[in-house]
Amino acid sequence: MKTFAQKLDFRILVAGEMVQDHGEDNFYSVMGENCAVAAVFDGSGGIGSRKYPKYMDHTGAYMASRAVSGALHDWFHESMEKGSSLARGREAAAQMKEYMLRAIRVMGKYGGETSRIFGTMVKDFPTTAAIAVVRDTEDGTELQCFWAGDSRVYLLDRNGLAQLTEDDLEGKNAMSNLQSDGALTNVVSLDSSFEIHYSRPLRFREAEAYSVFAASDGCFGYVPTPMDFEDLLLGTLEESQSVNTFERKLDENIRSIAGDDYSLAWISFGYGDYPQLKEVLRARRQLLQKDYIQPMVEDSSLELQEQLWTKYRVSYERFMSPAGPAPNRPEAADRQNQSGR
């Protein structure tokens, strides 16, 4: 039986900021003996635009993403130091919230007066969070997601791209939010009323191969359709000859379209090496090009995009219930991953 390290193929991090030293995104990626975490945090600049002179005039959003990233680091390492495995589901979500609130309260305590006066819509130290936790099992791996806001966790395998987290945006899906931004209904902040959602665990046998990544909306929010985002990923994989090249080119390709800070933390399992990953996903890219990308090149109308999205979302939402990925449901409702079976 393979060790957890042997099951993992590679990890990469991609991040960029629109204004140097003022980027409001942050990320966290770590691997332990039997588990790994990939997470991103997008400080909510619109509602977190208060500036704090004691923090070098940085915004609450800037400080929040960093504080919450540090909180996740503390949660992970303190759990490991206690000699126990990471908690799951409701327990893990409650622990994460406790650590995040503690960190943000420290920000609030020492932040002092802000340099501007804002309306009631502004929150203190707001940020999104999208967290993927992968842990070792006897016959494979288990993946569970935790989130608040509209940053996402995705899965990419031979069946294509799948969203695993439900955006905290009222009445929006991955396509409609590209056409008109929705208002966030839930973010981590000093206001303790926020929720850390959690999904049903997905379990993968050792023979199954997949990639999971957390991404802020700067990565996926500036493409015409969700199909184009998958094509960006698969195209970058295809044109790259190594993991290092893939990381560099992915950063370049996202930066070329992004209109916001962006962060992406990626982990791949089960392929063995990078050439095998490319080989497995080559057929998927050919299908995506044939069924979605080329038709949209020939006809760029919104009507066709909507028609193709209706078809595409069946696979894209394959791990989600009609109302989303069943957040905050008891683990008794867990289901097995069906990809590649």
C-alpha atoms as a PDB file:
ATOM      1  CA  MET A   1       0.000   0.000   0.000  1.00  0.00           C
ATOM      2  CA  LYS A   2       1.306   3.455  -0.927  1.00  0.00           C
ATOM      3  CA  THR A   3       2.070   6.077   1.679  1.00  0.00           C
ATOM      4  CA  PHE A   4       0.247   9.401   1.478  1.00  0.00           C
ATOM      5  CA  ALA A   5       3.361  11.050   0.048  1.00  0.00           C
ATOM      6  CA  GLN A   6       3.500   8.398  -2.682  1.00  0.00           C
ATOM      7  CA  LYS A   7      -0.150   9.012  -3.593  1.00  0.00           C
ATOM      8  CA  LEU A   8       0.489  12.739  -4.059  1.00  0.00           C
ATOM      9  CA  ASP A   9       1.930  13.760  -7.433  1.00  0.00           C
ATOM     10  CA  PHE A  10       2.624  17.465  -6.895  1.00  0.00           C
ATOM     11  CA  ARG A  11       1.464  20.713  -5.308  1.00  0.00           C
ATOM     12  CA  ILE A  12       1.614  24.174  -6.871  1.00  0.00           C
ATOM     13  CA  LEU A  13       0.696  27.710  -5.831  1.00  0.00           C
ATOM     14  CA  VAL A  14      -0.210  30.546  -8.191  1.00  0.00           C
ATOM     15  CA  ALA A  15      -0.883  34.074  -6.938  1.00  0.00           C
ATOM     16  CA  GLY A  16      -0.801  37.613  -8.218  1.00  0.00           C
ATOM     17  CA  GLU A  17      -1.867  41.095  -7.151  1.00  0.00           C
ATOM     18  CA  MET A  18      -3.119  44.006  -9.200  1.00  0.00           C
ATOM     19  CA  VAL A  19      -1.345  46.616  -7.053  1.00  0.00           C
ATOM     20  CA  GLN A  20       2.031  45.596  -5.678  1.00  0.00           C
ATOM     21  CA  ASP A  21       2.057  45.106  -1.904  1.00  0.00           C
ATOM     22  CA  HIS A  22      -1.672  45.810  -1.707  1.00  0.00           C
ATOM     23  CA  GLY A  23      -3.115  42.482  -2.868  1.00  0.00           C
ATOM     24  CA  GLU A  24      -6.067  41.389  -0.731  1.00  0.00           C
ATOM     25  CA  ASP A  25      -5.752  37.657  -1.544  1.00  0.00           C
ATOM     26  CA  ASN A  26      -3.808  35.127   0.464  1.00  0.00           C
ATOM     27  CA  PHE A  27      -3.325  31.353   0.408  1.00  0.00           C
ATOM     28  CA  TYR A  28      -2.232  28.379   2.479  1.00  0.00           C
ATOM     29  CA  SER A  29      -0.881  25.009   1.374  1.00  0.00           C
ATOM     30  CA  VAL A  30       0.614  22.339   3.611  1.00  0.00           C
ATOM     31  CA  MET A  31       1.271  18.620   3.588  1.00  0.00           C
ATOM     32  CA  GLY A  32       1.493  16.456   6.676  1.00  0.00           C
ATOM     33  CA  GLU A  33       2.273  12.791   7.103  1.00  0.00           C
ATOM     34  CA  ASN A  34      -1.304  11.669   6.408  1.00  0.00           C
ATOM     35  CA  CYS A  35      -3.104  14.758   5.102  1.00  0.00           C
ATOM     36  CA  ALA A  36      -2.800  17.906   3.016  1.00  0.00           C
ATOM     37  CA  VAL A  37      -4.571  21.265   2.877  1.00  0.00           C
ATOM     38  CA  ALA A  38      -4.984  23.686  -0.037  1.00  0.00           C
ATOM     39  CA  ALA A  39      -6.771  26.959   0.688  1.00  0.00           C
ATOM     40  CA  VAL A  40      -7.273  30.506  -0.585  1.00  0.00           C
ATOM     41  CA  PHE A  41      -8.644  33.647   1.050  1.00  0.00           C
ATOM     42  CA  ASP A  42      -9.941  36.684  -0.826  1.00  0.00           C
ATOM     43  CA  GLY A  43     -10.179  39.784   1.337  1.00  0.00           C
ATOM     44  CA  SER A  44     -13.505  41.395   0.461  1.00  0.00           C
ATOM     45  CA  GLY A  45     -12.312  44.816  -0.627  1.00  0.00           C
ATOM     46  CA  GLY A  46     -15.711  46.353  -1.298  1.00  0.00           C
ATOM     47  CA  ILE A  47     -17.097  45.734   2.177  1.00  0.00           C
ATOM     48  CA  GLY A  48     -13.669  45.708   3.825  1.00  0.00           C
ATOM     49  CA  SER A  49     -12.296  48.980   2.494  1.00  0.00           C
ATOM     50  CA  ARG A  50     -11.650  50.629   5.849  1.00  0.00           C
ATOM     51  CA  LYS A  51      -7.968  51.511   6.174  1.00  0.00           C
ATOM     52  CA  TYR A  52      -5.977  51.131   9.365  1.00  0.00           C
ATOM     53  CA  PRO A  53      -3.028  53.478  10.027  1.00  0.00           C
ATOM     54  CA  LYS A  54      -1.628  51.033  12.587  1.00  0.00           C
ATOM     55  CA  TYR A  55      -1.435  48.430   9.811  1.00  0.00           C
ATOM     56  CA  MET A  56       0.467  50.705   7.416  1.00  0.00           C
ATOM     57  CA  ASP A  57      -2.856  51.993   6.056  1.00  0.00           C
ATOM     58  CA  HIS A  58      -3.785  48.581   4.692  1.00  0.00           C
ATOM     59  CA  THR A  59      -7.469  47.751   4.367  1.00  0.00           C
ATOM     60  CA  GLY A  60      -9.402  45.444   6.645  1.00  0.00           C
ATOM     61  CA  ALA A  61      -9.757  43.085   3.684  1.00  0.00           C
ATOM     62  CA  TYR A  62      -5.967  42.921   3.241  1.00  0.00           C
ATOM     63  CA  MET A  63      -5.436  42.175   6.926  1.00  0.00           C
ATOM     64  CA  ALA A  64      -8.309  39.673   7.125  1.00  0.00           C
ATOM     65  CA  SER A  65      -7.048  37.348   4.401  1.00  0.00           C
ATOM     66  CA  ARG A  66      -3.669  37.167   6.098  1.00  0.00           C
ATOM     67  CA  ALA A  67      -5.075  36.715   9.589  1.00  0.00           C
ATOM     68  CA  VAL A  68      -7.400  33.915   8.481  1.00  0.00           C
ATOM     69  CA  SER A  69      -4.641  32.182   6.516  1.00  0.00           C
ATOM     70  CA  GLY A  70      -2.544  32.242   9.678  1.00  0.00           C
ATOM     71  CA  ALA A  71      -5.490  30.899  11.663  1.00  0.00           C
ATOM     72  CA  LEU A  72      -5.773  27.901   9.348  1.00  0.00           C
ATOM     73  CA  HIS A  73      -2.047  27.297   9.743  1.00  0.00           C
ATOM     74  CA  ASP A  74      -2.481  27.286  13.527  1.00  0.00           C
ATOM     75  CA  TRP A  75      -5.486  24.957  13.328  1.00  0.00           C
ATOM     76  CA  PHE A  76      -3.572  22.472  11.194  1.00  0.00           C
ATOM     77  CA  HIS A  77      -0.338  22.425  13.150  1.00  0.00           C
ATOM     78  CA  GLU A  78      -1.889  22.496  16.604  1.00  0.00           C
ATOM     79  CA  SER A  79      -4.118  19.582  15.612  1.00  0.00           C
ATOM     80  CA  MET A  80      -1.077  17.664  14.395  1.00  0.00           C
ATOM     81  CA  GLU A  81       0.916  18.483  17.534  1.00  0.00           C
ATOM     82  CA  LYS A  82      -1.829  17.020  19.687  1.00  0.00           C
ATOM     83  CA  GLY A  83      -1.183  13.723  17.947  1.00  0.00           C
ATOM     84  CA  SER A  84      -4.715  13.390  16.638  1.00  0.00           C
ATOM     85  CA  SER A  85      -6.058  13.339  13.107  1.00  0.00           C
ATOM     86  CA  LEU A  86      -7.755  16.440  11.727  1.00  0.00           C
ATOM     87  CA  ALA A  87     -11.404  16.754  12.663  1.00  0.00           C
ATOM     88  CA  ARG A  88     -14.085  16.248  10.022  1.00  0.00           C
ATOM     89  CA  GLY A  89     -17.344  17.929   9.063  1.00  0.00           C
ATOM     90  CA  ARG A  90     -19.188  19.966  11.655  1.00  0.00           C
ATOM     91  CA  GLU A  91     -16.429  19.622  14.239  1.00  0.00           C
ATOM     92  CA  ALA A  92     -13.725  20.812  11.834  1.00  0.00           C
ATOM     93  CA  ALA A  93     -15.889  23.732  10.634  1.00  0.00           C
ATOM     94  CA  ALA A  94     -16.501  24.819  14.231  1.00  0.00           C
ATOM     95  CA  GLN A  95     -12.790  24.597  15.031  1.00  0.00           C
ATOM     96  CA  MET A  96     -11.848  26.615  11.943  1.00  0.00           C
ATOM     97  CA  LYS A  97     -14.374  29.315  12.820  1.00  0.00           C
ATOM     98  CA  GLU A  98     -13.006  29.524  16.362  1.00  0.00           C
ATOM     99  CA  TYR A  99      -9.431  29.931  15.128  1.00  0.00           C
ATOM    100  CA  MET A 100     -10.466  32.488  12.496  1.00  0.00           C
ATOM    101  CA  LEU A 101     -12.481  34.572  14.932  1.00  0.00           C
ATOM    102  CA  ARG A 102      -9.619  34.568  17.417  1.00  0.00           C
ATOM    103  CA  ALA A 103      -7.228  35.868  14.748  1.00  0.00           C
ATOM    104  CA  ILE A 104      -9.605  38.553  13.485  1.00  0.00           C
ATOM    105  CA  ARG A 105     -10.381  39.729  17.013  1.00  0.00           C
ATOM    106  CA  VAL A 106      -6.662  40.309  17.509  1.00  0.00           C
ATOM    107  CA  MET A 107      -6.711  42.424  14.329  1.00  0.00           C
ATOM    108  CA  GLY A 108      -9.635  44.413  15.711  1.00  0.00           C
ATOM    109  CA  LYS A 109      -8.076  44.831  19.148  1.00  0.00           C
ATOM    110  CA  TYR A 110      -4.838  46.328  17.873  1.00  0.00           C
ATOM    111  CA  GLY A 111      -6.145  48.023  14.745  1.00  0.00           C
ATOM    112  CA  GLY A 112      -7.226  51.193  16.461  1.00  0.00           C
ATOM    113  CA  GLU A 113      -9.220  53.896  14.692  1.00  0.00           C
ATOM    114  CA  THR A 114      -9.724  53.699  10.937  1.00  0.00           C
ATOM    115  CA  SER A 115      -8.672  56.482   8.614  1.00  0.00           C
ATOM    116  CA  ARG A 116     -12.077  56.860   6.957  1.00  0.00           C
ATOM    117  CA  ILE A 117     -15.756  56.826   7.852  1.00  0.00           C
ATOM    118  CA  PHE A 118     -17.971  54.421   5.954  1.00  0.00           C
ATOM    119  CA  GLY A 119     -21.596  53.357   5.838  1.00  0.00           C
ATOM    120  CA  THR A 120     -23.188  50.411   7.569  1.00  0.00           C
ATOM    121  CA  MET A 121     -22.571  48.050   4.622  1.00  0.00           C
ATOM    122  CA  VAL A 122     -18.860  47.893   5.449  1.00  0.00           C
ATOM    123  CA  LYS A 123     -17.680  44.970   7.597  1.00  0.00           C
ATOM    124  CA  ASP A 124     -14.659  44.726   9.846  1.00  0.00           C
ATOM    125  CA  PHE A 125     -11.932  42.456   8.449  1.00  0.00           C
ATOM    126  CA  PRO A 126     -14.000  40.488   5.872  1.00  0.00           C
ATOM    127  CA  THR A 127     -12.587  37.698   3.739  1.00  0.00           C
ATOM    128  CA  THR A 128     -13.745  34.640   1.859  1.00  0.00           C
ATOM    129  CA  ALA A 129     -12.287  31.205   2.548  1.00  0.00           C
ATOM    130  CA  ALA A 130     -12.112  28.099   0.364  1.00  0.00           C
ATOM    131  CA  ILE A 131     -10.374  25.106   1.908  1.00  0.00           C
ATOM    132  CA  ALA A 132      -9.727  21.582   0.617  1.00  0.00           C
ATOM    133  CA  VAL A 133      -8.633  18.957   3.129  1.00  0.00           C
ATOM    134  CA  VAL A 134      -7.332  15.664   1.711  1.00  0.00           C
ATOM    135  CA  ARG A 135      -6.508  12.829   4.073  1.00  0.00           C
ATOM    136  CA  ASP A 136      -5.100   9.340   3.751  1.00  0.00           C
ATOM    137  CA  THR A 137      -7.333   6.269   3.939  1.00  0.00           C
ATOM    138  CA  GLU A 138      -6.556   2.565   3.834  1.00  0.00           C
ATOM    139  CA  ASP A 139      -7.519   2.217   0.186  1.00  0.00           C
ATOM    140  CA  GLY A 140      -7.130   5.746  -1.185  1.00  0.00           C
ATOM    141  CA  THR A 141      -7.863   9.329  -0.169  1.00  0.00           C
ATOM    142  CA  GLU A 142     -10.748  11.358   1.223  1.00  0.00           C
ATOM    143  CA  LEU A 143     -11.528  14.935   0.237  1.00  0.00           C
ATOM    144  CA  GLN A 144     -13.680  17.394   2.177  1.00  0.00           C
ATOM    145  CA  CYS A 145     -14.278  21.085   1.474  1.00  0.00           C
ATOM    146  CA  PHE A 146     -14.912  24.023   3.798  1.00  0.00           C
ATOM    147  CA  TRP A 147     -15.824  27.533   2.710  1.00  0.00           C
ATOM    148  CA  ALA A 148     -17.380  30.941   3.265  1.00  0.00           C
ATOM    149  CA  GLY A 149     -18.017  33.378   0.429  1.00  0.00           C
ATOM    150  CA  ASP A 150     -17.465  32.964  -3.307  1.00  0.00           C
ATOM    151  CA  SER A 151     -13.968  31.529  -3.509  1.00  0.00           C
ATOM    152  CA  ARG A 152     -14.219  27.915  -4.656  1.00  0.00           C
ATOM    153  CA  VAL A 153     -12.811  24.438  -4.448  1.00  0.00           C
ATOM    154  CA  TYR A 154     -12.750  22.525  -7.727  1.00  0.00           C
ATOM    155  CA  LEU A 155     -12.018  18.975  -8.780  1.00  0.00           C
ATOM    156  CA  LEU A 156     -10.475  18.164 -12.158  1.00  0.00           C
ATOM    157  CA  ASP A 157     -10.358  14.579 -13.451  1.00  0.00           C
ATOM    158  CA  ARG A 158     -10.887  12.631 -16.673  1.00  0.00           C
ATOM    159  CA  ASN A 159     -14.542  13.713 -16.621  1.00  0.00           C
ATOM    160  CA  GLY A 160     -13.650  17.399 -16.571  1.00  0.00           C
ATOM    161  CA  LEU A 161     -13.982  20.280 -14.153  1.00  0.00           C
ATOM    162  CA  ALA A 162     -16.400  20.132 -11.218  1.00  0.00           C
ATOM    163  CA  GLN A 163     -17.240  22.771  -8.630  1.00  0.00           C
ATOM    164  CA  LEU A 164     -17.329  21.342  -5.115  1.00  0.00           C
ATOM    165  CA  THR A 165     -18.374  24.388  -3.072  1.00  0.00           C
ATOM    166  CA  GLU A 166     -21.530  26.491  -3.259  1.00  0.00           C
ATOM    167  CA  ASP A 167     -21.049  30.235  -3.713  1.00  0.00           C
ATOM    168  CA  ASP A 168     -22.548  32.371  -0.956  1.00  0.00           C
ATOM    169  CA  LEU A 169     -24.307  34.461  -3.581  1.00  0.00           C
ATOM    170  CA  GLU A 170     -28.072  34.530  -3.527  1.00  0.00           C
ATOM    171  CA  GLY A 171     -29.667  33.167  -6.701  1.00  0.00           C
ATOM    172  CA  LYS A 172     -26.422  32.796  -8.651  1.00  0.00           C
ATOM    173  CA  ASN A 173     -24.681  29.905 -10.388  1.00  0.00           C
ATOM    174  CA  ALA A 174     -21.253  29.714 -12.022  1.00  0.00           C
ATOM    175  CA  MET A 175     -22.570  31.056 -15.337  1.00  0.00           C
ATOM    176  CA  SER A 176     -24.964  33.753 -14.155  1.00  0.00           C
ATOM    177  CA  ASN A 177     -22.387  35.234 -11.795  1.00  0.00           C
ATOM    178  CA  LEU A 178     -20.036  35.819 -14.738  1.00  0.00           C
ATOM    179  CA  GLN A 179     -22.750  37.910 -16.374  1.00  0.00           C
ATOM    180  CA  SER A 180     -23.651  39.986 -13.301  1.00  0.00           C
ATOM    181  CA  ASP A 181     -21.940  39.977  -9.929  1.00  0.00           C
ATOM    182  CA  GLY A 182     -24.065  38.878  -7.006  1.00  0.00           C
ATOM    183  CA  ALA A 183     -23.864  40.241  -3.472  1.00  0.00           C
ATOM    184  CA  LEU A 184     -22.019  38.100  -0.942  1.00  0.00           C
ATOM    185  CA  THR A 185     -24.323  36.663   1.715  1.00  0.00           C
ATOM    186  CA  ASN A 186     -21.673  35.104   3.964  1.00  0.00           C
ATOM    187  CA  VAL A 187     -18.018  35.963   4.610  1.00  0.00           C
ATOM    188  CA  VAL A 188     -15.600  35.486   7.474  1.00  0.00           C
ATOM    189  CA  SER A 189     -15.476  38.725   9.484  1.00  0.00           C
ATOM    190  CA  LEU A 190     -15.313  40.209  12.963  1.00  0.00           C
ATOM    191  CA  ASP A 191     -19.091  39.802  12.986  1.00  0.00           C
ATOM    192  CA  SER A 192     -19.338  36.249  14.339  1.00  0.00           C
ATOM    193  CA  SER A 193     -22.614  35.479  12.528  1.00  0.00           C
ATOM    194  CA  PHE A 194     -20.784  33.920   9.549  1.00  0.00           C
ATOM    195  CA  GLU A 195     -20.795  30.187   8.806  1.00  0.00           C
ATOM    196  CA  ILE A 196     -18.036  27.869   7.676  1.00  0.00           C
ATOM    197  CA  HIS A 197     -19.856  25.470   5.383  1.00  0.00           C
ATOM    198  CA  TYR A 198     -18.651  21.939   4.853  1.00  0.00           C
ATOM    199  CA  SER A 199     -19.411  19.399   2.139  1.00  0.00           C
ATOM    200  CA  ARG A 200     -19.882  15.671   2.123  1.00  0.00           C
ATOM    201  CA  PRO A 201     -16.542  13.877   1.928  1.00  0.00           C
ATOM    202  CA  LEU A 202     -15.582  12.360  -1.415  1.00  0.00           C
ATOM    203  CA  ARG A 203     -13.620   9.118  -1.249  1.00  0.00           C
ATOM    204  CA  PHE A 204     -11.227   8.012  -3.975  1.00  0.00           C
ATOM    205  CA  ARG A 205      -9.695   4.587  -4.370  1.00  0.00           C
ATOM    206  CA  GLU A 206      -5.931   4.425  -4.763  1.00  0.00           C
ATOM    207  CA  ALA A 207      -6.261   3.671  -8.487  1.00  0.00           C
ATOM    208  CA  GLU A 208      -8.269   6.855  -9.122  1.00  0.00           C
ATOM    209  CA  ALA A 209      -6.506  10.018 -10.263  1.00  0.00           C
ATOM    210  CA  TYR A 210      -7.674  13.578  -9.693  1.00  0.00           C
ATOM    211  CA  SER A 211      -6.585  17.126  -8.984  1.00  0.00           C
ATOM    212  CA  VAL A 212      -8.215  19.390  -6.425  1.00  0.00           C
ATOM    213  CA  PHE A 213      -7.607  23.106  -6.129  1.00  0.00           C
ATOM    214  CA  ALA A 214      -8.899  26.122  -4.244  1.00  0.00           C
ATOM    215  CA  ALA A 215      -9.216  29.358  -6.225  1.00  0.00           C
ATOM    216  CA  SER A 216     -10.274  32.931  -5.565  1.00  0.00           C
ATOM    217  CA  ASP A 217     -12.614  34.583  -8.042  1.00  0.00           C
ATOM    218  CA  GLY A 218      -9.727  36.410  -9.692  1.00  0.00           C
ATOM    219  CA  CYS A 219      -8.892  33.053 -11.309  1.00  0.00           C
ATOM    220  CA  PHE A 220     -12.302  32.153 -12.727  1.00  0.00           C
ATOM    221  CA  GLY A 221     -14.252  35.407 -12.726  1.00  0.00           C
ATOM    222  CA  TYR A 222     -12.870  36.936 -15.935  1.00  0.00           C
ATOM    223  CA  VAL A 223     -13.655  34.259 -18.502  1.00  0.00           C
ATOM    224  CA  PRO A 224     -16.804  34.313 -20.666  1.00  0.00           C
ATOM    225  CA  THR A 225     -18.084  30.919 -19.426  1.00  0.00           C
ATOM    226  CA  PRO A 226     -17.146  28.138 -16.995  1.00  0.00           C
ATOM    227  CA  MET A 227     -16.256  26.048 -20.052  1.00  0.00           C
ATOM    228  CA  ASP A 228     -13.584  28.605 -20.937  1.00  0.00           C
ATOM    229  CA  PHE A 229     -12.084  28.296 -17.460  1.00  0.00           C
ATOM    230  CA  GLU A 230     -11.723  24.538 -17.865  1.00  0.00           C
ATOM    231  CA  ASP A 231     -10.185  25.103 -21.294  1.00  0.00           C
ATOM    232  CA  LEU A 232      -7.678  27.534 -19.795  1.00  0.00           C
ATOM    233  CA  LEU A 233      -6.605  24.881 -17.276  1.00  0.00           C
ATOM    234  CA  LEU A 234      -6.431  22.004 -19.751  1.00  0.00           C
ATOM    235  CA  GLY A 235      -4.739  24.130 -22.390  1.00  0.00           C
ATOM    236  CA  THR A 236      -2.073  25.206 -19.911  1.00  0.00           C
ATOM    237  CA  LEU A 237      -1.500  21.590 -18.894  1.00  0.00           C
ATOM    238  CA  GLU A 238      -1.118  20.568 -22.514  1.00  0.00           C
ATOM    239  CA  GLU A 239       1.378  23.295 -23.423  1.00  0.00           C
ATOM    240  CA  SER A 240       3.552  22.678 -20.337  1.00  0.00           C
ATOM    241  CA  GLN A 241       6.285  20.051 -20.249  1.00  0.00           C
ATOM    242  CA  SER A 242       6.806  19.898 -16.489  1.00  0.00           C
ATOM    243  CA  VAL A 243       5.178  20.809 -13.195  1.00  0.00           C
ATOM    244  CA  ASN A 244       7.378  23.891 -12.876  1.00  0.00           C
ATOM    245  CA  THR A 245       6.435  25.043 -16.369  1.00  0.00           C
ATOM    246  CA  PHE A 246       2.762  24.403 -15.643  1.00  0.00           C
ATOM    247  CA  GLU A 247       2.927  26.546 -12.507  1.00  0.00           C
ATOM    248  CA  ARG A 248       4.627  29.395 -14.371  1.00  0.00           C
ATOM    249  CA  LYS A 249       2.374  29.278 -17.419  1.00  0.00           C
ATOM    250  CA  LEU A 250      -0.780  29.009 -15.325  1.00  0.00           C
ATOM    251  CA  ASP A 251       0.253  32.168 -13.516  1.00  0.00           C
ATOM    252  CA  GLU A 252       0.903  33.901 -16.844  1.00  0.00           C
ATOM    253  CA  ASN A 253      -2.393  32.773 -18.387  1.00  0.00           C
ATOM    254  CA  ILE A 254      -4.513  33.782 -15.395  1.00  0.00           C
ATOM    255  CA  ARG A 255      -2.698  37.109 -15.073  1.00  0.00           C
ATOM    256  CA  SER A 256      -3.384  37.846 -18.745  1.00  0.00           C
ATOM    257  CA  ILE A 257      -7.151  37.856 -18.166  1.00  0.00           C
ATOM    258  CA  ALA A 258      -7.552  38.711 -14.474  1.00  0.00           C
ATOM    259  CA  GLY A 259      -8.975  42.031 -13.391  1.00  0.00           C
ATOM    260  CA  ASP A 260      -8.421  41.330  -9.714  1.00  0.00           C
ATOM    261  CA  ASP A 261      -5.969  39.706  -7.323  1.00  0.00           C
ATOM    262  CA  TYR A 262      -5.888  35.946  -7.785  1.00  0.00           C
ATOM    263  CA  SER A 263      -4.775  32.903  -5.791  1.00  0.00           C
ATOM    264  CA  LEU A 264      -4.843  29.199  -6.607  1.00  0.00           C
ATOM    265  CA  ALA A 265      -3.585  26.260  -4.517  1.00  0.00           C
ATOM    266  CA  TRP A 266      -3.487  22.939  -6.412  1.00  0.00           C
ATOM    267  CA  ILE A 267      -2.835  19.312  -5.399  1.00  0.00           C
ATOM    268  CA  SER A 268      -2.796  16.273  -7.729  1.00  0.00           C
ATOM    269  CA  PHE A 269      -3.115  12.621  -6.750  1.00  0.00           C
ATOM    270  CA  GLY A 270      -2.859   9.258  -8.453  1.00  0.00           C
ATOM    271  CA  TYR A 271      -1.397  10.070 -11.865  1.00  0.00           C
ATOM    272  CA  GLY A 272       2.142   9.020 -11.015  1.00  0.00           C
ATOM    273  CA  ASP A 273       3.892  11.744 -13.002  1.00  0.00           C
ATOM    274  CA  TYR A 274       3.171  14.846 -15.036  1.00  0.00           C
ATOM    275  CA  PRO A 275       3.259  13.194 -18.502  1.00  0.00           C
ATOM    276  CA  GLN A 276       0.638  10.687 -17.343  1.00  0.00           C
ATOM    277  CA  LEU A 277      -1.584  13.483 -16.064  1.00  0.00           C
ATOM    278  CA  LYS A 278      -1.377  15.180 -19.460  1.00  0.00           C
ATOM    279  CA  GLU A 279      -2.130  11.911 -21.248  1.00  0.00           C
ATOM    280  CA  VAL A 280      -5.196  11.171 -19.129  1.00  0.00           C
ATOM    281  CA  LEU A 281      -6.646  14.667 -19.615  1.00  0.00           C
ATOM    282  CA  ARG A 282      -5.830  15.016 -23.324  1.00  0.00           C
ATOM    283  CA  ALA A 283      -9.011  13.243 -24.408  1.00  0.00           C
ATOM    284  CA  ARG A 284     -11.077  15.449 -22.128  1.00  0.00           C
ATOM    285  CA  ARG A 285      -9.647  18.601 -23.685  1.00  0.00           C
ATOM    286  CA  GLN A 286     -10.375  17.312 -27.179  1.00  0.00           C
ATOM    287  CA  LEU A 287     -13.988  16.678 -26.175  1.00  0.00           C
ATOM    288  CA  LEU A 288     -14.271  20.094 -24.526  1.00  0.00           C
ATOM    289  CA  GLN A 289     -12.911  21.799 -27.642  1.00  0.00           C
ATOM    290  CA  LYS A 290     -15.235  19.899 -29.952  1.00  0.00           C
ATOM    291  CA  ASP A 291     -18.453  20.209 -27.951  1.00  0.00           C
ATOM    292  CA  TYR A 292     -18.061  23.657 -26.379  1.00  0.00           C
ATOM    293  CA  ILE A 293     -15.109  25.848 -27.307  1.00  0.00           C
ATOM    294  CA  GLN A 294     -15.210  25.587 -31.107  1.00  0.00           C
ATOM    295  CA  PRO A 295     -19.003  26.118 -31.284  1.00  0.00           C
ATOM    296  CA  MET A 296     -18.562  29.291 -29.200  1.00  0.00           C
ATOM    297  CA  VAL A 297     -15.747  30.465 -31.489  1.00  0.00           C
ATOM    298  CA  GLU A 298     -18.091  30.082 -34.460  1.00  0.00           C
ATOM    299  CA  ASP A 299     -21.081  31.619 -32.668  1.00  0.00           C
ATOM    300  CA  SER A 300     -20.319  33.985 -29.787  1.00  0.00           C
ATOM    301  CA  SER A 301     -23.947  34.728 -28.970  1.00  0.00           C
ATOM    302  CA  LEU A 302     -25.147  34.660 -25.368  1.00  0.00           C
ATOM    303  CA  GLU A 303     -27.962  32.385 -26.492  1.00  0.00           C
ATOM    304  CA  LEU A 304     -25.528  29.657 -27.564  1.00  0.00           C
ATOM    305  CA  GLN A 305     -23.452  30.107 -24.423  1.00  0.00           C
ATOM    306  CA  GLU A 306     -26.551  29.538 -22.303  1.00  0.00           C
ATOM    307  CA  GLN A 307     -27.502  26.444 -24.302  1.00  0.00           C
ATOM    308  CA  LEU A 308     -24.043  24.958 -23.926  1.00  0.00           C
ATOM    309  CA  TRP A 309     -23.934  25.854 -20.232  1.00  0.00           C
ATOM    310  CA  THR A 310     -27.158  23.922 -19.663  1.00  0.00           C
ATOM    311  CA  LYS A 311     -25.470  20.860 -21.128  1.00  0.00           C
ATOM    312  CA  TYR A 312     -22.097  21.442 -19.455  1.00  0.00           C
ATOM    313  CA  ARG A 313     -23.407  22.039 -15.948  1.00  0.00           C
ATOM    314  CA  VAL A 314     -24.648  18.448 -15.651  1.00  0.00           C
ATOM    315  CA  SER A 315     -21.024  17.326 -15.414  1.00  0.00           C
ATOM    316  CA  TYR A 316     -19.757  20.526 -13.796  1.00  0.00           C
ATOM    317  CA  GLU A 317     -22.210  20.134 -10.889  1.00  0.00           C
ATOM    318  CA  ARG A 318     -21.976  16.349 -10.671  1.00  0.00           C
ATOM    319  CA  PHE A 319     -20.933  16.414  -7.014  1.00  0.00           C
ATOM    320  CA  MET A 320     -23.545  18.997  -6.050  1.00  0.00           C
ATOM    321  CA  SER A 321     -27.139  18.481  -5.005  1.00  0.00           C
ATOM    322  CA  PRO A 322     -29.774  20.598  -6.844  1.00  0.00           C
ATOM    323  CA  ALA A 323     -29.323  23.245  -4.142  1.00  0.00           C
ATOM    324  CA  GLY A 324     -25.545  22.908  -3.949  1.00  0.00           C
ATOM    325  CA  PRO A 325     -23.068  20.394  -2.523  1.00  0.00           C
ATOM    326  CA  ALA A 326     -25.213  19.663   0.549  1.00  0.00           C
ATOM    327  CA  PRO A 327     -23.260  21.900   2.913  1.00  0.00           C
ATOM    328  CA  ASN A 328     -23.424  21.287   6.646  1.00  0.00           C
ATOM    329  CA  ARG A 329     -25.197  17.927   6.348  1.00  0.00           C
ATOM    330  CA  PRO A 330     -24.392  15.023   8.686  1.00  0.00           C
ATOM    331  CA  GLU A 331     -21.629  12.698   7.552  1.00  0.00           C
ATOM    332  CA  ALA A 332     -24.177   9.885   7.486  1.00  0.00           C
ATOM    333  CA  ALA A 333     -25.128  11.290   4.093  1.00  0.00           C
ATOM    334  CA  ASP A 334     -21.592  10.819   2.724  1.00  0.00           C
ATOM    335  CA  ARG A 335     -21.290   9.468  -0.776  1.00  0.00           C
ATOM    336  CA  GLN A 336     -18.567   7.829  -2.791  1.00  0.00           C
ATOM    337  CA  ASN A 337     -16.951   9.486  -5.787  1.00  0.00           C
ATOM    338  CA  GLN A 338     -18.130   7.775  -8.953  1.00  0.00           C
ATOM    339  CA  SER A 339     -15.540   9.092 -11.389  1.00  0.00           C
ATOM    340  CA  GLY A 340     -13.583   6.519 -13.343  1.00  0.00           C
ATOM    341  CA  ARG A 341     -15.739   3.589 -12.188  1.00  0.00           C
END
